[in-house]
Protein backbone atom coordinates (compact mmCIF):
# COMPACT_ATOMS: atom_id res chain seq x y z
CA UNK A 1 113.03 100.00 116.87
CA UNK A 2 113.31 103.44 115.26
CA UNK A 3 110.80 103.77 112.47
CA UNK A 4 111.52 105.88 109.39
CA UNK A 5 110.37 106.28 105.81
CA UNK A 6 112.32 104.96 102.85
CA UNK A 7 113.83 106.47 99.72
CA UNK A 8 114.93 104.12 96.93
CA UNK A 9 117.22 105.39 94.20
CA UNK A 10 116.66 103.41 90.98
CA UNK A 11 118.15 103.22 87.51
CA UNK A 12 121.53 101.78 86.51
CA UNK A 13 124.75 101.87 88.51
CA UNK A 14 127.46 104.28 87.26
CA UNK A 15 124.82 106.97 86.78
CA UNK A 16 125.99 109.21 89.61
CA UNK A 17 124.09 107.38 92.32
CA UNK A 18 126.96 107.43 94.81
CA UNK A 19 127.24 111.17 94.23
CA UNK A 20 123.54 111.59 94.94
CA UNK A 21 123.80 109.25 97.93
CA UNK A 22 126.53 111.28 99.68
CA UNK A 23 124.76 114.54 98.86
CA UNK A 24 121.62 113.33 100.57
CA UNK A 25 123.56 111.87 103.47
CA UNK A 26 124.72 115.38 104.39
CA UNK A 27 121.15 116.08 105.50
CA UNK A 28 120.45 115.37 109.15
CA UNK A 29 117.08 114.06 107.98
CA UNK A 30 118.48 111.25 105.76
CA UNK A 31 120.72 108.28 106.44
CA UNK A 32 122.17 107.04 103.19
CA UNK A 33 124.91 104.43 103.74
CA UNK A 34 126.80 102.74 100.96
CA UNK A 35 124.61 99.90 99.66
CA UNK A 36 125.53 96.23 100.24
CA UNK A 37 122.99 95.35 97.49
CA UNK A 38 121.12 93.07 99.85
CA UNK A 39 118.17 92.35 97.58
CA UNK A 40 120.01 91.76 94.32
CA UNK A 41 122.44 89.50 96.19
CA UNK A 42 120.08 87.48 98.37
CA UNK A 43 116.94 87.24 96.24
CA UNK A 44 118.61 84.63 93.99
CA UNK A 45 119.80 82.79 97.12
CA UNK A 46 116.39 82.61 98.85
CA UNK A 47 115.59 79.10 97.52
CA UNK A 48 118.55 77.83 99.55
CA UNK A 49 116.70 78.84 102.74
CA UNK A 50 113.53 76.90 101.89
CA UNK A 51 110.22 78.11 103.22
CA UNK A 52 110.91 81.03 105.53
CA UNK A 53 109.85 80.08 109.03
CA UNK A 54 111.26 81.17 112.38
CA UNK A 55 114.34 79.00 112.10
CA UNK A 56 115.24 79.68 108.44
CA UNK A 57 114.44 83.38 108.72
CA UNK A 58 116.72 83.71 111.75
CA UNK A 59 119.46 82.13 109.62
CA UNK A 60 118.72 84.61 106.83
CA UNK A 61 118.91 87.54 109.26
CA UNK A 62 122.29 86.30 110.52
CA UNK A 63 123.69 85.88 107.01
CA UNK A 64 122.47 89.26 105.75
CA UNK A 65 123.75 91.10 108.84
CA UNK A 66 127.12 89.42 108.43
CA UNK A 67 127.12 90.44 104.76
CA UNK A 68 126.31 94.06 105.54
CA UNK A 69 128.87 94.17 108.30
CA UNK A 70 131.73 93.50 105.84
CA UNK A 71 130.50 95.94 103.16
CA UNK A 72 133.47 97.45 101.28
CA UNK A 73 132.38 100.83 102.62
CA UNK A 74 131.60 100.31 106.34
CA UNK A 75 128.35 101.34 108.00
CA UNK A 76 130.03 103.24 110.83
CA UNK A 77 128.00 103.68 114.00
CA UNK A 78 125.13 101.46 112.85
CA UNK A 79 124.10 98.77 115.35
CA UNK A 80 122.76 95.74 113.45
CA UNK A 81 121.51 93.61 116.34
CA UNK A 82 120.45 90.25 114.89
CA UNK A 83 118.09 89.39 117.74
CA UNK A 84 116.45 92.82 117.67
CA UNK A 85 115.96 92.63 113.88
CA UNK A 86 114.42 89.20 114.17
CA UNK A 87 112.17 90.24 117.07
CA UNK A 88 110.88 93.38 115.27
CA UNK A 89 110.19 91.64 111.96
CA UNK A 90 106.48 91.69 111.24
CA UNK A 91 106.86 88.98 108.58
CA UNK A 92 109.49 86.53 107.52
CA UNK A 93 110.69 88.12 104.31
CA UNK A 94 113.84 89.58 102.78
CA UNK A 95 112.01 92.81 102.09
CA UNK A 96 111.14 93.21 105.76
CA UNK A 97 114.75 92.42 106.70
CA UNK A 98 116.11 94.96 104.20
CA UNK A 99 113.77 97.63 105.59
CA UNK A 100 114.78 96.97 109.21
CA UNK A 101 118.47 97.13 108.36
CA UNK A 102 118.03 100.52 106.75
CA UNK A 103 115.87 101.67 109.65
CA UNK A 104 118.79 100.84 111.92
CA UNK A 105 120.97 103.11 109.77
CA UNK A 106 118.40 105.87 110.12
CA UNK A 107 118.26 105.32 113.89
CA UNK A 108 122.03 105.79 114.11
CA UNK A 109 121.60 109.47 113.23
CA UNK A 110 117.97 109.91 114.35
CA UNK A 111 116.96 110.54 110.74
CA UNK A 112 113.47 110.77 109.30
CA UNK A 113 114.41 108.89 106.11
CA UNK A 114 116.68 106.03 105.13
CA UNK A 115 117.95 105.97 101.56
CA UNK A 116 119.02 102.92 99.57
CA UNK A 117 120.92 103.40 96.32
CA UNK A 118 120.93 99.80 95.20
CA UNK A 119 119.49 100.80 91.85
CA UNK A 120 118.68 97.32 90.65
CA UNK A 121 115.93 97.16 93.30
CA UNK A 122 113.63 98.64 90.70
CA UNK A 123 113.11 95.07 89.55
CA UNK A 124 111.74 94.18 93.01
CA UNK A 125 109.35 97.15 93.31
CA UNK A 126 106.29 94.91 93.69
CA UNK A 127 107.92 92.98 96.55
CA UNK A 128 109.27 96.17 98.16
CA UNK A 129 105.73 97.52 98.37
CA UNK A 130 104.76 94.75 100.79
CA UNK A 131 107.17 96.06 103.43
CA UNK A 132 107.32 99.75 102.46
CA UNK A 133 104.09 100.80 100.71
CA UNK A 134 104.96 104.51 100.98
CA UNK A 135 108.49 104.11 99.65
CA UNK A 136 109.62 107.10 97.57
CA UNK A 137 111.52 106.37 94.40
CA UNK A 138 114.13 108.65 92.82
CA UNK A 139 114.83 107.61 89.23
CA UNK A 140 118.37 108.87 88.49
CA UNK A 141 119.08 108.56 84.81
CA UNK A 142 122.21 109.35 82.81
CA UNK A 143 123.14 109.05 79.13
CA UNK A 144 123.41 105.30 78.76
CA UNK A 145 126.49 105.63 76.58
CA UNK A 146 128.33 107.36 79.42
CA UNK A 147 127.08 104.69 81.79
CA UNK A 148 128.57 102.09 79.44
CA UNK A 149 131.87 103.98 79.17
CA UNK A 150 132.12 104.09 82.95
CA UNK A 151 131.41 100.37 83.33
CA UNK A 152 134.10 99.54 80.79
CA UNK A 153 136.68 100.82 83.31
CA UNK A 154 135.01 99.56 86.50
CA UNK A 155 135.96 96.41 88.38
CA UNK A 156 132.33 95.28 88.29
CA UNK A 157 129.71 94.83 85.59
CA UNK A 158 129.56 93.98 81.90
CA UNK A 159 132.16 95.31 79.52
CA UNK A 160 130.90 94.98 75.92
CA UNK A 161 128.66 97.73 74.61
CA UNK A 162 126.03 95.18 73.57
CA UNK A 163 125.62 93.75 77.08
CA UNK A 164 125.83 97.18 78.65
CA UNK A 165 123.12 98.49 76.32
CA UNK A 166 120.83 95.56 77.14
CA UNK A 167 121.20 96.13 80.89
CA UNK A 168 120.75 99.89 80.67
CA UNK A 169 117.69 99.53 78.46
CA UNK A 170 116.11 96.94 80.78
CA UNK A 171 116.67 99.12 83.84
CA UNK A 172 115.37 102.34 82.27
CA UNK A 173 112.25 100.66 80.94
CA UNK A 174 111.55 99.17 84.39
CA UNK A 175 111.82 102.67 85.91
CA UNK A 176 109.60 104.20 83.25
CA UNK A 177 107.02 101.46 83.79
CA UNK A 178 107.11 101.98 87.55
CA UNK A 179 106.54 105.72 87.08
CA UNK A 180 103.33 104.92 85.26
CA UNK A 181 102.04 102.88 88.21
CA UNK A 182 102.91 105.17 91.13
CA UNK A 183 101.33 108.46 92.31
CA UNK A 184 103.36 111.60 91.65
CA UNK A 185 104.29 111.98 95.36
CA UNK A 186 106.15 108.65 95.29
CA UNK A 187 108.20 109.02 92.10
CA UNK A 188 110.77 111.61 91.09
CA UNK A 189 112.86 111.59 87.88
CA UNK A 190 116.28 113.24 88.19
CA UNK A 191 118.63 113.75 85.28
CA UNK A 192 122.34 113.34 86.02
CA UNK A 193 123.48 115.90 83.47
CA UNK A 194 121.14 118.48 85.00
CA UNK A 195 122.40 117.62 88.48
CA UNK A 196 126.06 118.30 87.60
CA UNK A 197 125.26 121.39 85.52
CA UNK A 198 123.05 123.07 88.15
CA UNK A 199 123.49 121.16 91.38
CA UNK A 200 122.01 123.68 93.82
CA UNK A 201 118.74 124.15 91.96
CA UNK A 202 118.44 120.43 91.23
CA UNK A 203 119.06 119.33 94.81
CA UNK A 204 116.73 122.02 96.12
CA UNK A 205 113.94 120.68 93.91
CA UNK A 206 114.64 117.13 95.05
CA UNK A 207 114.53 118.25 98.70
CA UNK A 208 111.17 119.85 98.05
CA UNK A 209 109.86 116.55 96.68
CA UNK A 210 111.21 114.66 99.68
CA UNK A 211 109.84 117.20 102.14
CA UNK A 212 113.19 117.95 103.73
CA UNK A 213 115.17 121.16 104.21
CA UNK A 214 117.92 121.96 101.73
CA UNK A 215 121.24 122.86 103.40
CA UNK A 216 124.32 124.23 101.63
CA UNK A 217 126.48 121.51 103.18
CA UNK A 218 124.87 119.01 100.87
CA UNK A 219 127.04 120.32 98.04
CA UNK A 220 130.13 120.16 100.25
CA UNK A 221 129.71 116.37 100.39
CA UNK A 222 133.34 115.85 99.29
CA UNK A 223 134.53 117.16 102.66
CA UNK A 224 132.48 114.59 104.59
CA UNK A 225 133.69 111.40 106.21
CA UNK A 226 131.01 109.53 104.26
CA UNK A 227 132.63 110.52 100.96
CA UNK A 228 136.15 109.90 102.19
CA UNK A 229 135.27 106.38 103.36
CA UNK A 230 133.82 105.51 99.95
CA UNK A 231 136.67 107.10 98.02
CA UNK A 232 139.23 105.14 100.04
CA UNK A 233 137.37 101.85 99.55
CA UNK A 234 137.61 101.64 95.79
CA UNK A 235 138.85 103.47 92.67
CA UNK A 236 135.27 103.46 91.29
CA UNK A 237 134.30 105.99 93.95
CA UNK A 238 137.45 108.16 93.93
CA UNK A 239 135.58 111.19 92.52
CA UNK A 240 133.55 111.45 95.72
CA UNK A 241 136.42 113.35 97.38
CA UNK A 242 136.18 116.04 94.71
CA UNK A 243 133.56 118.77 94.08
CA UNK A 244 130.95 118.09 91.39
CA UNK A 245 132.48 118.06 87.92
CA UNK A 246 130.07 120.05 85.72
CA UNK A 247 131.50 118.76 82.44
CA UNK A 248 131.51 115.06 83.31
CA UNK A 249 129.43 113.99 80.33
CA UNK A 250 130.03 112.81 76.79
CA UNK A 251 132.93 110.68 77.97
CA UNK A 252 131.86 107.80 75.76
CA UNK A 253 133.29 109.67 72.78
CA UNK A 254 136.75 109.08 74.25
CA UNK A 255 136.12 105.52 75.38
CA UNK A 256 134.02 103.88 72.65
CA UNK A 257 135.89 102.11 69.85
CA UNK A 258 134.86 100.43 66.61
CA UNK A 259 131.18 99.58 66.54
CA UNK A 260 130.56 100.40 70.20
CA UNK A 261 128.38 103.43 69.49
CA UNK A 262 126.42 101.77 66.67
CA UNK A 263 125.82 98.64 68.76
CA UNK A 264 124.68 100.60 71.83
CA UNK A 265 122.31 102.78 69.83
CA UNK A 266 120.98 99.82 67.85
CA UNK A 267 120.00 98.12 71.11
CA UNK A 268 118.94 101.13 73.21
CA UNK A 269 118.48 104.01 70.81
CA UNK A 270 114.72 104.32 71.27
CA UNK A 271 115.13 104.50 75.07
CA UNK A 272 117.87 107.09 74.78
CA UNK A 273 115.52 109.26 72.72
CA UNK A 274 112.64 108.63 75.14
CA UNK A 275 114.81 110.10 77.89
CA UNK A 276 115.81 113.10 75.79
CA UNK A 277 119.21 112.04 74.39
CA UNK A 278 120.13 112.55 70.75
CA UNK A 279 121.57 109.66 68.73
CA UNK A 280 124.99 110.19 67.17
CA UNK A 281 125.58 107.14 64.98
CA UNK A 282 123.77 106.77 61.64
CA UNK A 283 122.37 103.38 62.66
CA UNK A 284 118.75 104.60 62.93
CA UNK A 285 119.05 106.49 59.62
CA UNK A 286 120.05 103.23 57.98
CA UNK A 287 117.74 100.39 57.02
CA UNK A 288 116.44 98.04 59.69
CA UNK A 289 118.56 95.37 58.06
CA UNK A 290 121.70 97.31 58.98
CA UNK A 291 120.67 97.35 62.67
CA UNK A 292 119.65 93.72 62.60
CA UNK A 293 123.04 92.77 61.16
CA UNK A 294 124.62 93.97 64.43
CA UNK A 295 122.26 91.88 66.50
CA UNK A 296 122.25 88.42 64.90
CA UNK A 297 122.65 85.22 66.93
CA UNK A 298 126.20 84.88 65.59
CA UNK A 299 126.97 88.43 66.71
CA UNK A 300 125.54 87.72 70.16
CA UNK A 301 127.97 84.80 70.59
CA UNK A 302 130.85 86.92 69.35
CA UNK A 303 130.03 89.73 71.73
CA UNK A 304 129.74 87.29 74.63
CA UNK A 305 133.27 86.00 73.94
CA UNK A 306 134.66 89.53 73.85
CA UNK A 307 132.73 90.48 76.98
CA UNK A 308 134.22 87.57 78.94
CA UNK A 309 137.70 88.47 77.77
CA UNK A 310 137.31 92.15 78.72
CA UNK A 311 136.00 91.23 82.17
CA UNK A 312 139.07 89.04 82.75
CA UNK A 313 141.37 91.78 81.59
CA UNK A 314 139.81 94.35 83.94
CA UNK A 315 140.20 91.98 86.89
CA UNK A 316 143.82 91.33 86.01
CA UNK A 317 144.56 95.06 86.03
CA UNK A 318 142.38 95.85 89.05
CA UNK A 319 143.85 97.43 92.16
CA UNK A 320 144.50 94.49 94.54
CA UNK A 321 143.14 96.56 97.41
CA UNK A 322 139.79 96.94 95.60
CA UNK A 323 139.51 93.20 95.13
CA UNK A 324 140.55 92.56 98.74
CA UNK A 325 137.78 94.87 99.97
CA UNK A 326 135.20 92.73 98.13
CA UNK A 327 136.57 89.41 99.27
CA UNK A 328 134.81 89.17 102.69
CA UNK A 329 131.37 89.47 101.08
CA UNK A 330 132.32 86.95 98.44
CA UNK A 331 133.42 84.50 101.15
CA UNK A 332 130.08 84.84 102.94
CA UNK A 333 128.18 84.01 99.77
CA UNK A 334 130.50 81.04 99.20
CA UNK A 335 129.85 79.90 102.78
CA UNK A 336 126.09 80.09 102.29
CA UNK A 337 126.25 78.07 99.12
CA UNK A 338 128.59 75.49 100.62
CA UNK A 339 126.32 75.12 103.65
CA UNK A 340 123.45 74.31 101.33
CA UNK A 341 125.44 72.08 98.95
CA UNK A 342 124.95 74.54 96.11
CA UNK A 343 128.47 75.83 95.59
CA UNK A 344 128.65 74.80 91.93
CA UNK A 345 125.01 75.40 91.05
CA UNK A 346 124.22 78.54 88.99
CA UNK A 347 122.42 81.31 90.85
């Protein structure tokens, strides 16, 4: 099979990662398909396969390939041959399988690199190293309050500022910790606000880190079929058919209500500051008791109730076409769990 090196974008979704993905995909040297989130989906399911031997691994290969094949944004032109992937696996592991699937994407355009933008993979960095020890990480970070504001409107993810702050904080700290463990030639931190304010300089510097040639077409991503496929597959990605919006920041000021800002900064204020963002509520100027009052056990339960309600409301208002695009993957997961008698067991 075609061998290529890997690039893993890490951080938290809704940080501009699809924008970065389609920019990079304009390079002939990088294949960056829309992510099916193979690891974050199948790692929790691995116990259902038992010990991975030839038989169970072949089943896993079949399931994962089926799952990728019905991704909401299709992998056009990529041949995912189940037998070839099984034959070329050097070990029976999900990490190996994930690498071979992305290598197939790179082979489809004879690219030097494959790029995965499943940002939650930062939490599997140790496991990823077993299959891709030279994997390069691009830590794309954005003001967590804007990330939260974006998630509030998205068909996926948490909806309450408390839960969104917890997830963003967890992801950023994992990325910062990984940076401390990796050599400089394997880790690159990229700020979203800098990317949209000065895209050419920012992308040129990223290309230099990756060792690829910068081409002007990278910033004309919105004219590409890659962007159009994503934009047509879901409202969350509709901006991909537009040029970069240089003022697409500070949106949380229009979206946050009530205690949203105070709660987010009470949970994640220190990480915001660590990444260079100023705080705008007075929560850290207040006593610690004021912050703690927002984070009591009773408050947690209250926030959870609101979060569940907001999720339900977003689904009720969601574009039916968006939900329909996600249904085939959901059916595959349901089939896997039914096959193993685990349909009603928590993942």
